[in-house]
Amino acid sequence: MKVRLIALDSVEHDRKLALNGHSVVLGRCPDADVRIDDRWVSRRHCELVEVDGMLVVRDLGSTHGTFVNGRQVSEARLRPDDKLTIGLTSFVASYRPLSRLVRAC
């Protein structure tokens, strides 16, 4: 699954991700898959993973929480155009969900 995280803040840049069955970790540490320079972001803040053709975000025990459309979540589906906020940094997720019929072929 190809995902584009569109930055809503001037400090961050848009990110293009290819999940390909793997999780992608967002955080402040140098070895995070998506490094975010924001002091309110934990070292390993959250992860994005594909589940049944949909994008899922999971909080990894962050100090300040992970938010989808303003609501704090521990795990949630991230639908296209949902707003993901970690620390003071916000992104909009842009992707095309995989239909179950296509995945079965």
PDB file of N, CA and C in Angstrom:
ATOM      1  N   MET A   1       0.848  -1.179   0.000  1.00  0.00           N
ATOM      2  CA  MET A   1       0.000   0.000   0.000  1.00  0.00           C
ATOM      3  C   MET A   1       0.890   1.237   0.000  1.00  0.00           C
ATOM      4  N   LYS A   2       0.576   2.174  -0.882  1.00  0.00           N
ATOM      5  CA  LYS A   2       1.306   3.433  -0.932  1.00  0.00           C
ATOM      6  C   LYS A   2       0.497   4.492  -0.198  1.00  0.00           C
ATOM      7  N   VAL A   3       1.173   5.214   0.684  1.00  0.00           N
ATOM      8  CA  VAL A   3       0.525   6.231   1.514  1.00  0.00           C
ATOM      9  C   VAL A   3       1.308   7.527   1.376  1.00  0.00           C
ATOM     10  N   ARG A   4       0.594   8.623   1.303  1.00  0.00           N
ATOM     11  CA  ARG A   4       1.234   9.938   1.336  1.00  0.00           C
ATOM     12  C   ARG A   4       0.734  10.659   2.573  1.00  0.00           C
ATOM     13  N   LEU A   5       1.668  11.095   3.413  1.00  0.00           N
ATOM     14  CA  LEU A   5       1.326  11.921   4.570  1.00  0.00           C
ATOM     15  C   LEU A   5       1.562  13.367   4.165  1.00  0.00           C
ATOM     16  N   ILE A   6       0.497  14.125   4.070  1.00  0.00           N
ATOM     17  CA  ILE A   6       0.571  15.518   3.634  1.00  0.00           C
ATOM     18  C   ILE A   6       0.700  16.393   4.870  1.00  0.00           C
ATOM     19  N   ALA A   7       1.831  17.086   4.971  1.00  0.00           N
ATOM     20  CA  ALA A   7       2.111  17.912   6.140  1.00  0.00           C
ATOM     21  C   ALA A   7       1.194  19.127   6.172  1.00  0.00           C
ATOM     22  N   LEU A   8       0.609  19.375   7.345  1.00  0.00           N
ATOM     23  CA  LEU A   8      -0.227  20.560   7.522  1.00  0.00           C
ATOM     24  C   LEU A   8       0.549  21.682   8.197  1.00  0.00           C
ATOM     25  N   ASP A   9       1.798  21.397   8.556  1.00  0.00           N
ATOM     26  CA  ASP A   9       2.655  22.375   9.223  1.00  0.00           C
ATOM     27  C   ASP A   9       3.784  22.759   8.276  1.00  0.00           C
ATOM     28  N   SER A  10       4.190  24.005   8.313  1.00  0.00           N
ATOM     29  CA  SER A  10       5.239  24.462   7.405  1.00  0.00           C
ATOM     30  C   SER A  10       6.602  23.860   7.743  1.00  0.00           C
ATOM     31  N   VAL A  11       6.792  23.371   8.957  1.00  0.00           N
ATOM     32  CA  VAL A  11       8.084  22.828   9.383  1.00  0.00           C
ATOM     33  C   VAL A  11       8.338  21.457   8.767  1.00  0.00           C
ATOM     34  N   GLU A  12       7.328  20.629   8.685  1.00  0.00           N
ATOM     35  CA  GLU A  12       7.475  19.266   8.164  1.00  0.00           C
ATOM     36  C   GLU A  12       7.242  19.235   6.655  1.00  0.00           C
ATOM     37  N   HIS A  13       7.704  18.157   6.041  1.00  0.00           N
ATOM     38  CA  HIS A  13       7.532  17.944   4.607  1.00  0.00           C
ATOM     39  C   HIS A  13       6.563  16.795   4.386  1.00  0.00           C
ATOM     40  N   ASP A  14       5.948  16.757   3.215  1.00  0.00           N
ATOM     41  CA  ASP A  14       5.110  15.612   2.858  1.00  0.00           C
ATOM     42  C   ASP A  14       5.987  14.369   2.831  1.00  0.00           C
ATOM     43  N   ARG A  15       5.416  13.232   3.201  1.00  0.00           N
ATOM     44  CA  ARG A  15       6.162  11.967   3.216  1.00  0.00           C
ATOM     45  C   ARG A  15       5.417  10.953   2.368  1.00  0.00           C
ATOM     46  N   LYS A  16       6.151  10.237   1.538  1.00  0.00           N
ATOM     47  CA  LYS A  16       5.576   9.140   0.756  1.00  0.00           C
ATOM     48  C   LYS A  16       6.081   7.838   1.356  1.00  0.00           C
ATOM     49  N   LEU A  17       5.166   6.925   1.656  1.00  0.00           N
ATOM     50  CA  LEU A  17       5.506   5.674   2.316  1.00  0.00           C
ATOM     51  C   LEU A  17       4.980   4.502   1.510  1.00  0.00           C
ATOM     52  N   ALA A  18       5.726   3.427   1.514  1.00  0.00           N
ATOM     53  CA  ALA A  18       5.259   2.159   0.946  1.00  0.00           C
ATOM     54  C   ALA A  18       5.264   1.152   2.084  1.00  0.00           C
ATOM     55  N   LEU A  19       4.082   0.744   2.534  1.00  0.00           N
ATOM     56  CA  LEU A  19       4.008  -0.153   3.691  1.00  0.00           C
ATOM     57  C   LEU A  19       4.400  -1.580   3.328  1.00  0.00           C
ATOM     58  N   ASN A  20       3.885  -2.109   2.230  1.00  0.00           N
ATOM     59  CA  ASN A  20       4.253  -3.448   1.761  1.00  0.00           C
ATOM     60  C   ASN A  20       4.268  -4.496   2.865  1.00  0.00           C
ATOM     61  N   GLY A  21       3.239  -4.484   3.707  1.00  0.00           N
ATOM     62  CA  GLY A  21       3.124  -5.486   4.763  1.00  0.00           C
ATOM     63  C   GLY A  21       3.938  -5.199   6.002  1.00  0.00           C
ATOM     64  N   HIS A  22       4.676  -4.106   6.022  1.00  0.00           N
ATOM     65  CA  HIS A  22       5.491  -3.748   7.176  1.00  0.00           C
ATOM     66  C   HIS A  22       4.889  -2.540   7.882  1.00  0.00           C
ATOM     67  N   SER A  23       5.235  -2.375   9.149  1.00  0.00           N
ATOM     68  CA  SER A  23       4.801  -1.177   9.857  1.00  0.00           C
ATOM     69  C   SER A  23       5.831  -0.074   9.631  1.00  0.00           C
ATOM     70  N   VAL A  24       5.384   1.163   9.759  1.00  0.00           N
ATOM     71  CA  VAL A  24       6.243   2.334   9.631  1.00  0.00           C
ATOM     72  C   VAL A  24       6.139   3.095  10.940  1.00  0.00           C
ATOM     73  N   VAL A  25       7.286   3.321  11.595  1.00  0.00           N
ATOM     74  CA  VAL A  25       7.315   4.004  12.887  1.00  0.00           C
ATOM     75  C   VAL A  25       7.565   5.494  12.682  1.00  0.00           C
ATOM     76  N   LEU A  26       6.723   6.312  13.322  1.00  0.00           N
ATOM     77  CA  LEU A  26       6.900   7.760  13.330  1.00  0.00           C
ATOM     78  C   LEU A  26       7.409   8.151  14.703  1.00  0.00           C
ATOM     79  N   GLY A  27       8.425   8.997  14.750  1.00  0.00           N
ATOM     80  CA  GLY A  27       8.952   9.410  16.042  1.00  0.00           C
ATOM     81  C   GLY A  27      10.119  10.361  15.907  1.00  0.00           C
ATOM     82  N   ARG A  28      10.705  10.674  17.052  1.00  0.00           N
ATOM     83  CA  ARG A  28      11.784  11.646  17.130  1.00  0.00           C
ATOM     84  C   ARG A  28      13.169  11.005  17.048  1.00  0.00           C
ATOM     85  N   CYS A  29      13.276   9.701  17.297  1.00  0.00           N
ATOM     86  CA  CYS A  29      14.597   9.060  17.334  1.00  0.00           C
ATOM     87  C   CYS A  29      15.176   8.950  15.917  1.00  0.00           C
ATOM     88  N   PRO A  30      16.500   8.946  15.816  1.00  0.00           N
ATOM     89  CA  PRO A  30      17.148   8.903  14.501  1.00  0.00           C
ATOM     90  C   PRO A  30      16.793   7.674  13.668  1.00  0.00           C
ATOM     91  N   ASP A  31      16.457   6.553  14.301  1.00  0.00           N
ATOM     92  CA  ASP A  31      16.155   5.347  13.523  1.00  0.00           C
ATOM     93  C   ASP A  31      14.663   5.160  13.236  1.00  0.00           C
ATOM     94  N   ALA A  32      13.835   6.156  13.528  1.00  0.00           N
ATOM     95  CA  ALA A  32      12.411   6.087  13.163  1.00  0.00           C
ATOM     96  C   ALA A  32      12.301   6.109  11.639  1.00  0.00           C
ATOM     97  N   ASP A  33      11.337   5.382  11.108  1.00  0.00           N
ATOM     98  CA  ASP A  33      11.138   5.372   9.655  1.00  0.00           C
ATOM     99  C   ASP A  33      10.758   6.760   9.142  1.00  0.00           C
ATOM    100  N   VAL A  34       9.938   7.464   9.914  1.00  0.00           N
ATOM    101  CA  VAL A  34       9.582   8.851   9.616  1.00  0.00           C
ATOM    102  C   VAL A  34       9.993   9.669  10.826  1.00  0.00           C
ATOM    103  N   ARG A  35      11.104  10.403  10.690  1.00  0.00           N
ATOM    104  CA  ARG A  35      11.635  11.182  11.811  1.00  0.00           C
ATOM    105  C   ARG A  35      10.962  12.549  11.828  1.00  0.00           C
ATOM    106  N   ILE A  36      10.447  12.920  13.005  1.00  0.00           N
ATOM    107  CA  ILE A  36       9.747  14.190  13.168  1.00  0.00           C
ATOM    108  C   ILE A  36      10.457  14.991  14.246  1.00  0.00           C
ATOM    109  N   ASP A  37      10.950  16.155  13.876  1.00  0.00           N
ATOM    110  CA  ASP A  37      11.697  17.014  14.790  1.00  0.00           C
ATOM    111  C   ASP A  37      10.715  17.919  15.542  1.00  0.00           C
ATOM    112  N   ASP A  38      10.133  17.365  16.595  1.00  0.00           N
ATOM    113  CA  ASP A  38       9.121  18.055  17.397  1.00  0.00           C
ATOM    114  C   ASP A  38       9.300  17.551  18.825  1.00  0.00           C
ATOM    115  N   ARG A  39       9.602  18.432  19.749  1.00  0.00           N
ATOM    116  CA  ARG A  39       9.908  17.984  21.116  1.00  0.00           C
ATOM    117  C   ARG A  39       8.715  17.349  21.819  1.00  0.00           C
ATOM    118  N   TRP A  40       7.516  17.508  21.289  1.00  0.00           N
ATOM    119  CA  TRP A  40       6.324  16.898  21.870  1.00  0.00           C
ATOM    120  C   TRP A  40       6.054  15.505  21.292  1.00  0.00           C
ATOM    121  N   VAL A  41       6.896  15.078  20.369  1.00  0.00           N
ATOM    122  CA  VAL A  41       6.795  13.746  19.770  1.00  0.00           C
ATOM    123  C   VAL A  41       7.746  12.816  20.512  1.00  0.00           C
ATOM    124  N   SER A  42       7.252  11.647  20.905  1.00  0.00           N
ATOM    125  CA  SER A  42       8.091  10.658  21.589  1.00  0.00           C
ATOM    126  C   SER A  42       9.078  10.042  20.599  1.00  0.00           C
ATOM    127  N   ARG A  43      10.126   9.421  21.157  1.00  0.00           N
ATOM    128  CA  ARG A  43      11.160   8.813  20.309  1.00  0.00           C
ATOM    129  C   ARG A  43      10.549   7.797  19.335  1.00  0.00           C
ATOM    130  N   ARG A  44       9.697   6.930  19.813  1.00  0.00           N
ATOM    131  CA  ARG A  44       8.929   5.982  18.979  1.00  0.00           C
ATOM    132  C   ARG A  44       7.467   6.253  19.319  1.00  0.00           C
ATOM    133  N   HIS A  45       6.853   7.166  18.608  1.00  0.00           N
ATOM    134  CA  HIS A  45       5.552   7.714  18.991  1.00  0.00           C
ATOM    135  C   HIS A  45       4.385   6.812  18.568  1.00  0.00           C
ATOM    136  N   CYS A  46       4.331   6.476  17.287  1.00  0.00           N
ATOM    137  CA  CYS A  46       3.242   5.641  16.774  1.00  0.00           C
ATOM    138  C   CYS A  46       3.719   4.894  15.542  1.00  0.00           C
ATOM    139  N   GLU A  47       2.896   3.953  15.111  1.00  0.00           N
ATOM    140  CA  GLU A  47       3.224   3.220  13.890  1.00  0.00           C
ATOM    141  C   GLU A  47       2.010   3.184  12.981  1.00  0.00           C
ATOM    142  N   LEU A  48       2.286   3.091  11.688  1.00  0.00           N
ATOM    143  CA  LEU A  48       1.253   2.913  10.678  1.00  0.00           C
ATOM    144  C   LEU A  48       1.415   1.515  10.109  1.00  0.00           C
ATOM    145  N   VAL A  49       0.303   0.822   9.932  1.00  0.00           N
ATOM    146  CA  VAL A  49       0.326  -0.535   9.407  1.00  0.00           C
ATOM    147  C   VAL A  49      -0.924  -0.754   8.565  1.00  0.00           C
ATOM    148  N   GLU A  50      -0.811  -1.603   7.549  1.00  0.00           N
ATOM    149  CA  GLU A  50      -1.963  -1.952   6.723  1.00  0.00           C
ATOM    150  C   GLU A  50      -2.670  -3.152   7.340  1.00  0.00           C
ATOM    151  N   VAL A  51      -3.985  -3.031   7.539  1.00  0.00           N
ATOM    152  CA  VAL A  51      -4.804  -4.124   8.061  1.00  0.00           C
ATOM    153  C   VAL A  51      -6.039  -4.239   7.171  1.00  0.00           C
ATOM    154  N   ASP A  52      -6.195  -5.369   6.514  1.00  0.00           N
ATOM    155  CA  ASP A  52      -7.346  -5.608   5.629  1.00  0.00           C
ATOM    156  C   ASP A  52      -7.552  -4.487   4.614  1.00  0.00           C
ATOM    157  N   GLY A  53      -6.469  -3.999   4.035  1.00  0.00           N
ATOM    158  CA  GLY A  53      -6.559  -2.977   3.001  1.00  0.00           C
ATOM    159  C   GLY A  53      -6.775  -1.567   3.501  1.00  0.00           C
ATOM    160  N   MET A  54      -6.810  -1.387   4.813  1.00  0.00           N
ATOM    161  CA  MET A  54      -6.988  -0.058   5.410  1.00  0.00           C
ATOM    162  C   MET A  54      -5.730   0.312   6.191  1.00  0.00           C
ATOM    163  N   LEU A  55      -5.517   1.598   6.378  1.00  0.00           N
ATOM    164  CA  LEU A  55      -4.387   2.101   7.141  1.00  0.00           C
ATOM    165  C   LEU A  55      -4.791   2.211   8.603  1.00  0.00           C
ATOM    166  N   VAL A  56      -3.970   1.662   9.495  1.00  0.00           N
ATOM    167  CA  VAL A  56      -4.234   1.704  10.932  1.00  0.00           C
ATOM    168  C   VAL A  56      -3.065   2.400  11.612  1.00  0.00           C
ATOM    169  N   VAL A  57      -3.373   3.283  12.561  1.00  0.00           N
ATOM    170  CA  VAL A  57      -2.350   3.931  13.373  1.00  0.00           C
ATOM    171  C   VAL A  57      -2.440   3.352  14.782  1.00  0.00           C
ATOM    172  N   ARG A  58      -1.273   3.054  15.361  1.00  0.00           N
ATOM    173  CA  ARG A  58      -1.198   2.533  16.731  1.00  0.00           C
ATOM    174  C   ARG A  58      -0.241   3.392  17.535  1.00  0.00           C
ATOM    175  N   ASP A  59      -0.709   3.897  18.658  1.00  0.00           N
ATOM    176  CA  ASP A  59       0.154   4.636  19.569  1.00  0.00           C
ATOM    177  C   ASP A  59       1.112   3.639  20.218  1.00  0.00           C
ATOM    178  N   LEU A  60       2.374   4.014  20.363  1.00  0.00           N
ATOM    179  CA  LEU A  60       3.384   3.120  20.934  1.00  0.00           C
ATOM    180  C   LEU A  60       3.750   3.535  22.357  1.00  0.00           C
ATOM    181  N   GLY A  61       2.754   3.972  23.126  1.00  0.00           N
ATOM    182  CA  GLY A  61       3.001   4.394  24.503  1.00  0.00           C
ATOM    183  C   GLY A  61       3.597   5.785  24.591  1.00  0.00           C
ATOM    184  N   SER A  62       3.220   6.645  23.661  1.00  0.00           N
ATOM    185  CA  SER A  62       3.766   8.005  23.624  1.00  0.00           C
ATOM    186  C   SER A  62       3.363   8.792  24.866  1.00  0.00           C
ATOM    187  N   THR A  63       4.152   9.795  25.175  1.00  0.00           N
ATOM    188  CA  THR A  63       3.889  10.639  26.343  1.00  0.00           C
ATOM    189  C   THR A  63       2.693  11.559  26.122  1.00  0.00           C
ATOM    190  N   HIS A  64       2.584  12.130  24.931  1.00  0.00           N
ATOM    191  CA  HIS A  64       1.565  13.155  24.676  1.00  0.00           C
ATOM    192  C   HIS A  64       0.406  12.690  23.806  1.00  0.00           C
ATOM    193  N   GLY A  65       0.394  11.430  23.409  1.00  0.00           N
ATOM    194  CA  GLY A  65      -0.754  10.875  22.708  1.00  0.00           C
ATOM    195  C   GLY A  65      -0.726  11.012  21.196  1.00  0.00           C
ATOM    196  N   THR A  66      -1.559  10.202  20.578  1.00  0.00           N
ATOM    197  CA  THR A  66      -1.761  10.186  19.134  1.00  0.00           C
ATOM    198  C   THR A  66      -3.229  10.524  18.892  1.00  0.00           C
ATOM    199  N   PHE A  67      -3.482  11.423  17.942  1.00  0.00           N
ATOM    200  CA  PHE A  67      -4.832  11.927  17.718  1.00  0.00           C
ATOM    201  C   PHE A  67      -5.240  11.748  16.260  1.00  0.00           C
ATOM    202  N   VAL A  68      -6.470  11.300  16.051  1.00  0.00           N
ATOM    203  CA  VAL A  68      -7.062  11.210  14.720  1.00  0.00           C
ATOM    204  C   VAL A  68      -8.298  12.097  14.728  1.00  0.00           C
ATOM    205  N   ASN A  69      -8.278  13.110  13.879  1.00  0.00           N
ATOM    206  CA  ASN A  69      -9.383  14.081  13.805  1.00  0.00           C
ATOM    207  C   ASN A  69      -9.699  14.682  15.173  1.00  0.00           C
ATOM    208  N   GLY A  70      -8.653  14.963  15.950  1.00  0.00           N
ATOM    209  CA  GLY A  70      -8.815  15.618  17.244  1.00  0.00           C
ATOM    210  C   GLY A  70      -9.150  14.703  18.400  1.00  0.00           C
ATOM    211  N   ARG A  71      -9.306  13.409  18.148  1.00  0.00           N
ATOM    212  CA  ARG A  71      -9.665  12.449  19.201  1.00  0.00           C
ATOM    213  C   ARG A  71      -8.460  11.573  19.519  1.00  0.00           C
ATOM    214  N   GLN A  72      -8.111  11.497  20.816  1.00  0.00           N
ATOM    215  CA  GLN A  72      -6.968  10.678  21.214  1.00  0.00           C
ATOM    216  C   GLN A  72      -7.304   9.200  21.031  1.00  0.00           C
ATOM    217  N   VAL A  73      -6.363   8.455  20.440  1.00  0.00           N
ATOM    218  CA  VAL A  73      -6.586   7.040  20.146  1.00  0.00           C
ATOM    219  C   VAL A  73      -5.377   6.216  20.581  1.00  0.00           C
ATOM    220  N   SER A  74      -5.636   4.962  20.929  1.00  0.00           N
ATOM    221  CA  SER A  74      -4.532   4.024  21.132  1.00  0.00           C
ATOM    222  C   SER A  74      -4.317   3.231  19.846  1.00  0.00           C
ATOM    223  N   GLU A  75      -5.417   2.987  19.119  1.00  0.00           N
ATOM    224  CA  GLU A  75      -5.376   2.352  17.805  1.00  0.00           C
ATOM    225  C   GLU A  75      -6.630   2.783  17.059  1.00  0.00           C
ATOM    226  N   ALA A  76      -6.473   3.113  15.787  1.00  0.00           N
ATOM    227  CA  ALA A  76      -7.635   3.553  15.005  1.00  0.00           C
ATOM    228  C   ALA A  76      -7.361   3.391  13.525  1.00  0.00           C
ATOM    229  N   ARG A  77      -8.433   3.146  12.767  1.00  0.00           N
ATOM    230  CA  ARG A  77      -8.313   3.182  11.313  1.00  0.00           C
ATOM    231  C   ARG A  77      -8.102   4.625  10.905  1.00  0.00           C
ATOM    232  N   LEU A  78      -7.205   4.810   9.982  1.00  0.00           N
ATOM    233  CA  LEU A  78      -6.922   6.139   9.449  1.00  0.00           C
ATOM    234  C   LEU A  78      -7.462   6.154   8.024  1.00  0.00           C
ATOM    235  N   ARG A  79      -8.615   6.757   7.855  1.00  0.00           N
ATOM    236  CA  ARG A  79      -9.263   6.787   6.548  1.00  0.00           C
ATOM    237  C   ARG A  79      -8.641   7.895   5.692  1.00  0.00           C
ATOM    238  N   PRO A  80      -8.769   7.782   4.372  1.00  0.00           N
ATOM    239  CA  PRO A  80      -8.246   8.851   3.521  1.00  0.00           C
ATOM    240  C   PRO A  80      -8.802  10.205   3.958  1.00  0.00           C
ATOM    241  N   ASP A  81      -7.926  11.182   4.009  1.00  0.00           N
ATOM    242  CA  ASP A  81      -8.231  12.564   4.391  1.00  0.00           C
ATOM    243  C   ASP A  81      -8.437  12.760   5.889  1.00  0.00           C
ATOM    244  N   ASP A  82      -8.230  11.725   6.722  1.00  0.00           N
ATOM    245  CA  ASP A  82      -8.242  11.920   8.172  1.00  0.00           C
ATOM    246  C   ASP A  82      -6.997  12.698   8.583  1.00  0.00           C
ATOM    247  N   LYS A  83      -7.127  13.458   9.655  1.00  0.00           N
ATOM    248  CA  LYS A  83      -6.016  14.249  10.179  1.00  0.00           C
ATOM    249  C   LYS A  83      -5.340  13.475  11.309  1.00  0.00           C
ATOM    250  N   LEU A  84      -4.044  13.208  11.168  1.00  0.00           N
ATOM    251  CA  LEU A  84      -3.232  12.536  12.177  1.00  0.00           C
ATOM    252  C   LEU A  84      -2.358  13.580  12.851  1.00  0.00           C
ATOM    253  N   THR A  85      -2.461  13.684  14.183  1.00  0.00           N
ATOM    254  CA  THR A  85      -1.665  14.652  14.930  1.00  0.00           C
ATOM    255  C   THR A  85      -0.854  13.931  15.986  1.00  0.00           C
ATOM    256  N   ILE A  86       0.457  14.177  15.967  1.00  0.00           N
ATOM    257  CA  ILE A  86       1.341  13.699  17.029  1.00  0.00           C
ATOM    258  C   ILE A  86       2.187  14.888  17.454  1.00  0.00           C
ATOM    259  N   GLY A  87       2.221  15.145  18.752  1.00  0.00           N
ATOM    260  CA  GLY A  87       2.883  16.351  19.234  1.00  0.00           C
ATOM    261  C   GLY A  87       2.184  17.569  18.658  1.00  0.00           C
ATOM    262  N   LEU A  88       2.979  18.487  18.118  1.00  0.00           N
ATOM    263  CA  LEU A  88       2.423  19.685  17.482  1.00  0.00           C
ATOM    264  C   LEU A  88       2.387  19.540  15.965  1.00  0.00           C
ATOM    265  N   THR A  89       2.603  18.325  15.482  1.00  0.00           N
ATOM    266  CA  THR A  89       2.726  18.059  14.057  1.00  0.00           C
ATOM    267  C   THR A  89       1.492  17.328  13.536  1.00  0.00           C
ATOM    268  N   SER A  90       0.938  17.815  12.429  1.00  0.00           N
ATOM    269  CA  SER A  90      -0.261  17.205  11.845  1.00  0.00           C
ATOM    270  C   SER A  90      -0.034  16.851  10.381  1.00  0.00           C
ATOM    271  N   PHE A  91      -0.630  15.730  10.000  1.00  0.00           N
ATOM    272  CA  PHE A  91      -0.601  15.255   8.621  1.00  0.00           C
ATOM    273  C   PHE A  91      -2.016  14.865   8.218  1.00  0.00           C
ATOM    274  N   VAL A  92      -2.276  14.862   6.920  1.00  0.00           N
ATOM    275  CA  VAL A  92      -3.476  14.251   6.362  1.00  0.00           C
ATOM    276  C   VAL A  92      -3.003  13.038   5.582  1.00  0.00           C
ATOM    277  N   ALA A  93      -3.659  11.903   5.803  1.00  0.00           N
ATOM    278  CA  ALA A  93      -3.301  10.670   5.107  1.00  0.00           C
ATOM    279  C   ALA A  93      -4.008  10.620   3.760  1.00  0.00           C
ATOM    280  N   SER A  94      -3.252  10.349   2.722  1.00  0.00           N
ATOM    281  CA  SER A  94      -3.818  10.209   1.385  1.00  0.00           C
ATOM    282  C   SER A  94      -3.411   8.842   0.848  1.00  0.00           C
ATOM    283  N   TYR A  95      -4.402   7.996   0.598  1.00  0.00           N
ATOM    284  CA  TYR A  95      -4.142   6.674   0.037  1.00  0.00           C
ATOM    285  C   TYR A  95      -5.436   6.118  -0.517  1.00  0.00           C
ATOM    286  N   ARG A  96      -5.314   5.063  -1.290  1.00  0.00           N
ATOM    287  CA  ARG A  96      -6.481   4.389  -1.854  1.00  0.00           C
ATOM    288  C   ARG A  96      -6.634   3.053  -1.139  1.00  0.00           C
ATOM    289  N   PRO A  97      -7.706   2.882  -0.354  1.00  0.00           N
ATOM    290  CA  PRO A  97      -7.914   1.598   0.332  1.00  0.00           C
ATOM    291  C   PRO A  97      -7.989   0.462  -0.683  1.00  0.00           C
ATOM    292  N   LEU A  98      -7.435  -0.676  -0.311  1.00  0.00           N
ATOM    293  CA  LEU A  98      -7.504  -1.860  -1.169  1.00  0.00           C
ATOM    294  C   LEU A  98      -8.813  -2.572  -0.901  1.00  0.00           C
ATOM    295  N   SER A  99      -9.582  -2.838  -1.947  1.00  0.00           N
ATOM    296  CA  SER A  99     -10.843  -3.553  -1.739  1.00  0.00           C
ATOM    297  C   SER A  99     -10.547  -5.023  -1.499  1.00  0.00           C
ATOM    298  N   ARG A 100     -11.408  -5.677  -0.772  1.00  0.00           N
ATOM    299  CA  ARG A 100     -11.225  -7.102  -0.488  1.00  0.00           C
ATOM    300  C   ARG A 100     -11.293  -7.937  -1.757  1.00  0.00           C
ATOM    301  N   LEU A 101     -12.084  -7.508  -2.742  1.00  0.00           N
ATOM    302  CA  LEU A 101     -12.176  -8.259  -3.995  1.00  0.00           C
ATOM    303  C   LEU A 101     -10.850  -8.228  -4.743  1.00  0.00           C
ATOM    304  N   VAL A 102     -10.205  -7.083  -4.767  1.00  0.00           N
ATOM    305  CA  VAL A 102      -8.928  -6.968  -5.459  1.00  0.00           C
ATOM    306  C   VAL A 102      -7.871  -7.794  -4.752  1.00  0.00           C
ATOM    307  N   ARG A 103      -7.866  -7.774  -3.417  1.00  0.00           N
ATOM    308  CA  ARG A 103      -6.861  -8.511  -2.658  1.00  0.00           C
ATOM    309  C   ARG A 103      -7.027 -10.018  -2.828  1.00  0.00           C
ATOM    310  N   ALA A 104      -8.241 -10.497  -3.106  1.00  0.00           N
ATOM    311  CA  ALA A 104      -8.488 -11.933  -3.221  1.00  0.00           C
ATOM    312  C   ALA A 104      -7.978 -12.502  -4.544  1.00  0.00           C
ATOM    313  N   CYS A 105      -7.768 -11.679  -5.543  1.00  0.00           N
ATOM    314  CA  CYS A 105      -7.342 -12.161  -6.869  1.00  0.00           C
ATOM    315  C   CYS A 105      -5.888 -12.563  -6.885  1.00  0.00           C
TER     316      CYS A 105
END
